[in-house]
Amino acid sequence: PSAPAPPPPPPPLPPLDSAPAHFAGALGVPVWVLLPKVADWRWALGEAATPWYPSMRLFRQSARGDWAGVLGDVARSLGQWQAGAGAS
């Protein structure tokens, strides 16, 4: 008999720009960060990644105050992750 498949890894942690996000990024844990349209300087402009934390993915508002769009992007990416598409 074959061994059961290992459980899938947990989904990425999706915080806002906060200490837990920086801690997860520093540990190399997959983390998705939700950012406002005008974010802190360290997140650059329009990028989906940061050179400081390779395991981090950034989700940005396309318009000031548009959290529905950000959450839609996160939902789509989470669906891809669940389907095994390897979205990071």
N, C-alpha and C. Protein backbone atom coordinates (compact mmCIF):
# COMPACT_ATOMS: atom_id res chain seq x y z
N PRO A 1 0.84 -1.20 0.00
CA PRO A 1 0.00 0.00 0.00
C PRO A 1 0.87 1.25 0.00
N SER A 2 0.41 2.25 -0.69
CA SER A 2 1.17 3.50 -0.76
C SER A 2 0.81 4.39 0.44
N ALA A 3 1.76 5.23 0.82
CA ALA A 3 1.56 6.15 1.95
C ALA A 3 0.60 7.25 1.52
N PRO A 4 -0.20 7.74 2.46
CA PRO A 4 -1.11 8.85 2.12
C PRO A 4 -0.32 10.10 1.74
N ALA A 5 -0.90 10.88 0.88
CA ALA A 5 -0.26 12.13 0.46
C ALA A 5 -0.15 13.08 1.64
N PRO A 6 0.94 13.83 1.72
CA PRO A 6 1.06 14.80 2.83
C PRO A 6 0.02 15.90 2.67
N PRO A 7 -0.37 16.51 3.77
CA PRO A 7 -1.35 17.60 3.67
C PRO A 7 -0.74 18.79 2.95
N PRO A 8 -1.57 19.59 2.29
CA PRO A 8 -1.03 20.78 1.60
C PRO A 8 -0.53 21.79 2.62
N PRO A 9 0.40 22.64 2.20
CA PRO A 9 0.88 23.68 3.13
C PRO A 9 -0.26 24.66 3.43
N PRO A 10 -0.16 25.35 4.54
CA PRO A 10 -1.21 26.32 4.86
C PRO A 10 -1.20 27.47 3.86
N PRO A 11 -2.34 28.14 3.68
CA PRO A 11 -2.35 29.28 2.76
C PRO A 11 -1.50 30.41 3.31
N PRO A 12 -1.06 31.31 2.44
CA PRO A 12 -0.27 32.45 2.89
C PRO A 12 -1.05 33.32 3.87
N LEU A 13 -0.34 33.89 4.80
CA LEU A 13 -0.93 34.81 5.77
C LEU A 13 -1.23 36.13 5.08
N PRO A 14 -2.49 36.63 5.11
CA PRO A 14 -2.78 37.89 4.40
C PRO A 14 -3.00 39.10 5.31
N PRO A 15 -1.97 39.65 5.92
CA PRO A 15 -2.17 40.83 6.77
C PRO A 15 -2.03 42.14 5.99
N LEU A 16 -2.31 43.21 6.67
CA LEU A 16 -1.98 44.54 6.17
C LEU A 16 -0.52 44.79 6.50
N ASP A 17 0.00 45.95 6.14
CA ASP A 17 1.38 46.31 6.46
C ASP A 17 1.48 46.42 7.97
N SER A 18 2.07 45.40 8.60
CA SER A 18 2.11 45.35 10.07
C SER A 18 3.31 44.53 10.52
N ALA A 19 3.54 44.50 11.82
CA ALA A 19 4.64 43.72 12.37
C ALA A 19 4.54 42.24 11.99
N PRO A 20 3.35 41.60 12.07
CA PRO A 20 3.29 40.18 11.67
C PRO A 20 3.70 39.96 10.21
N ALA A 21 3.37 40.90 9.34
CA ALA A 21 3.78 40.76 7.93
C ALA A 21 5.30 40.81 7.80
N HIS A 22 5.93 41.74 8.49
CA HIS A 22 7.39 41.85 8.44
C HIS A 22 8.05 40.62 9.07
N PHE A 23 7.49 40.14 10.15
CA PHE A 23 8.03 38.96 10.84
C PHE A 23 7.94 37.74 9.93
N ALA A 24 6.77 37.53 9.31
CA ALA A 24 6.60 36.40 8.39
C ALA A 24 7.57 36.51 7.22
N GLY A 25 7.68 37.70 6.65
CA GLY A 25 8.61 37.90 5.54
C GLY A 25 10.05 37.63 5.94
N ALA A 26 10.44 38.07 7.12
CA ALA A 26 11.80 37.85 7.60
C ALA A 26 12.09 36.37 7.82
N LEU A 27 11.05 35.60 8.17
CA LEU A 27 11.21 34.16 8.38
C LEU A 27 11.09 33.37 7.08
N GLY A 28 10.75 34.04 5.98
CA GLY A 28 10.59 33.35 4.72
C GLY A 28 9.27 32.63 4.56
N VAL A 29 8.30 32.98 5.43
CA VAL A 29 6.97 32.39 5.36
C VAL A 29 6.20 33.08 4.24
N PRO A 30 5.48 32.31 3.40
CA PRO A 30 4.67 32.97 2.37
C PRO A 30 3.67 33.91 3.02
N VAL A 31 3.67 35.14 2.57
CA VAL A 31 2.79 36.15 3.16
C VAL A 31 2.31 37.09 2.06
N TRP A 32 1.04 37.38 2.10
CA TRP A 32 0.42 38.32 1.16
C TRP A 32 0.05 39.55 1.95
N VAL A 33 0.48 40.71 1.49
CA VAL A 33 0.24 41.96 2.20
C VAL A 33 -0.71 42.84 1.38
N LEU A 34 -1.74 43.34 2.05
CA LEU A 34 -2.73 44.21 1.42
C LEU A 34 -2.31 45.66 1.66
N LEU A 35 -2.14 46.42 0.58
CA LEU A 35 -1.64 47.79 0.69
C LEU A 35 -2.62 48.80 0.11
N PRO A 36 -2.65 49.99 0.70
CA PRO A 36 -3.47 51.06 0.12
C PRO A 36 -2.83 51.59 -1.16
N LYS A 37 -3.56 52.40 -1.87
CA LYS A 37 -3.06 53.01 -3.11
C LYS A 37 -1.75 53.75 -2.86
N VAL A 38 -1.72 54.56 -1.82
CA VAL A 38 -0.50 55.28 -1.45
C VAL A 38 0.07 54.59 -0.22
N ALA A 39 1.04 53.73 -0.45
CA ALA A 39 1.63 52.94 0.63
C ALA A 39 2.95 53.57 1.10
N ASP A 40 3.48 53.02 2.15
CA ASP A 40 4.76 53.45 2.69
C ASP A 40 5.85 53.31 1.63
N TRP A 41 6.87 54.13 1.71
CA TRP A 41 7.94 54.17 0.71
C TRP A 41 8.61 52.81 0.52
N ARG A 42 8.68 51.99 1.55
CA ARG A 42 9.42 50.72 1.45
C ARG A 42 8.79 49.73 0.48
N TRP A 43 7.53 49.96 0.11
CA TRP A 43 6.84 49.03 -0.79
C TRP A 43 6.96 49.46 -2.25
N ALA A 44 7.74 50.51 -2.53
CA ALA A 44 7.93 51.02 -3.90
C ALA A 44 6.58 51.40 -4.51
N LEU A 45 6.54 51.56 -5.80
CA LEU A 45 5.30 51.96 -6.46
C LEU A 45 4.90 50.91 -7.49
N GLY A 46 3.72 50.36 -7.34
CA GLY A 46 3.17 49.45 -8.34
C GLY A 46 3.78 48.07 -8.41
N GLU A 47 4.66 47.73 -7.51
CA GLU A 47 5.30 46.41 -7.55
C GLU A 47 4.45 45.38 -6.82
N ALA A 48 4.56 44.11 -7.22
CA ALA A 48 3.85 43.03 -6.54
C ALA A 48 4.80 42.23 -5.65
N ALA A 49 6.06 42.66 -5.60
CA ALA A 49 7.06 41.98 -4.78
C ALA A 49 7.95 43.02 -4.13
N THR A 50 8.70 42.58 -3.14
CA THR A 50 9.64 43.47 -2.46
C THR A 50 11.00 42.77 -2.38
N PRO A 51 12.09 43.48 -2.61
CA PRO A 51 13.41 42.84 -2.54
C PRO A 51 13.80 42.41 -1.13
N TRP A 52 13.16 42.96 -0.13
CA TRP A 52 13.51 42.62 1.25
C TRP A 52 12.94 41.27 1.69
N TYR A 53 11.80 40.89 1.13
CA TYR A 53 11.13 39.66 1.55
C TYR A 53 10.72 38.86 0.31
N PRO A 54 11.56 37.95 -0.16
CA PRO A 54 11.24 37.19 -1.37
C PRO A 54 9.96 36.35 -1.26
N SER A 55 9.54 35.98 -0.05
CA SER A 55 8.35 35.15 0.10
C SER A 55 7.06 35.98 0.18
N MET A 56 7.18 37.30 0.02
CA MET A 56 6.04 38.20 0.19
C MET A 56 5.47 38.62 -1.16
N ARG A 57 4.14 38.65 -1.21
CA ARG A 57 3.44 39.17 -2.39
C ARG A 57 2.60 40.36 -1.96
N LEU A 58 2.64 41.42 -2.74
CA LEU A 58 1.91 42.64 -2.40
C LEU A 58 0.66 42.78 -3.25
N PHE A 59 -0.45 43.08 -2.60
CA PHE A 59 -1.72 43.34 -3.28
C PHE A 59 -2.06 44.80 -3.01
N ARG A 60 -2.22 45.58 -4.06
CA ARG A 60 -2.41 47.03 -3.92
C ARG A 60 -3.78 47.48 -4.40
N GLN A 61 -4.27 48.53 -3.79
CA GLN A 61 -5.48 49.17 -4.29
C GLN A 61 -5.17 49.78 -5.65
N SER A 62 -6.10 49.68 -6.59
CA SER A 62 -5.92 50.35 -7.88
C SER A 62 -6.42 51.79 -7.80
N ALA A 63 -7.28 52.04 -6.83
CA ALA A 63 -7.79 53.40 -6.58
C ALA A 63 -7.89 53.58 -5.07
N ARG A 64 -7.68 54.80 -4.62
CA ARG A 64 -7.73 55.09 -3.19
C ARG A 64 -9.05 54.62 -2.59
N GLY A 65 -8.98 53.81 -1.54
CA GLY A 65 -10.16 53.33 -0.84
C GLY A 65 -10.80 52.08 -1.44
N ASP A 66 -10.25 51.54 -2.52
CA ASP A 66 -10.84 50.39 -3.20
C ASP A 66 -10.34 49.07 -2.60
N TRP A 67 -10.83 48.74 -1.41
CA TRP A 67 -10.44 47.47 -0.79
C TRP A 67 -11.17 46.30 -1.43
N ALA A 68 -12.34 46.53 -2.04
CA ALA A 68 -13.07 45.45 -2.70
C ALA A 68 -12.23 44.87 -3.84
N GLY A 69 -11.56 45.74 -4.59
CA GLY A 69 -10.70 45.27 -5.67
C GLY A 69 -9.52 44.45 -5.15
N VAL A 70 -8.93 44.90 -4.05
CA VAL A 70 -7.81 44.18 -3.44
C VAL A 70 -8.28 42.80 -2.98
N LEU A 71 -9.41 42.77 -2.30
CA LEU A 71 -9.92 41.49 -1.80
C LEU A 71 -10.31 40.56 -2.94
N GLY A 72 -10.78 41.11 -4.05
CA GLY A 72 -11.05 40.30 -5.24
C GLY A 72 -9.78 39.68 -5.79
N ASP A 73 -8.70 40.46 -5.84
CA ASP A 73 -7.41 39.94 -6.30
C ASP A 73 -6.92 38.83 -5.37
N VAL A 74 -7.06 39.04 -4.07
CA VAL A 74 -6.65 38.03 -3.09
C VAL A 74 -7.49 36.77 -3.27
N ALA A 75 -8.80 36.92 -3.45
CA ALA A 75 -9.69 35.76 -3.62
C ALA A 75 -9.29 34.96 -4.86
N ARG A 76 -9.00 35.65 -5.97
CA ARG A 76 -8.58 34.94 -7.18
C ARG A 76 -7.27 34.20 -6.96
N SER A 77 -6.32 34.85 -6.31
CA SER A 77 -5.03 34.21 -6.05
C SER A 77 -5.17 33.04 -5.09
N LEU A 78 -6.04 33.18 -4.11
CA LEU A 78 -6.26 32.07 -3.18
C LEU A 78 -6.91 30.90 -3.91
N GLY A 79 -7.82 31.17 -4.83
CA GLY A 79 -8.42 30.11 -5.63
C GLY A 79 -7.38 29.39 -6.46
N GLN A 80 -6.43 30.13 -7.05
CA GLN A 80 -5.34 29.52 -7.81
C GLN A 80 -4.46 28.69 -6.89
N TRP A 81 -4.19 29.19 -5.71
CA TRP A 81 -3.36 28.47 -4.75
C TRP A 81 -4.05 27.16 -4.36
N GLN A 82 -5.36 27.23 -4.09
CA GLN A 82 -6.10 26.03 -3.71
C GLN A 82 -6.13 25.02 -4.83
N ALA A 83 -6.17 25.49 -6.06
CA ALA A 83 -6.21 24.59 -7.21
C ALA A 83 -4.83 24.01 -7.54
N GLY A 84 -3.82 24.47 -6.80
CA GLY A 84 -2.47 23.94 -7.02
C GLY A 84 -1.71 24.66 -8.12
N ALA A 85 -2.16 25.83 -8.49
CA ALA A 85 -1.49 26.58 -9.54
C ALA A 85 -0.17 27.19 -9.05
N GLY A 86 0.09 27.13 -7.74
CA GLY A 86 1.35 27.61 -7.22
C GLY A 86 1.44 29.11 -7.10
N ALA A 87 0.31 29.79 -7.00
CA ALA A 87 0.35 31.25 -6.82
C ALA A 87 1.05 31.56 -5.51
N SER A 88 1.98 32.49 -5.54
CA SER A 88 2.69 32.83 -4.31
C SER A 88 2.34 34.22 -3.87
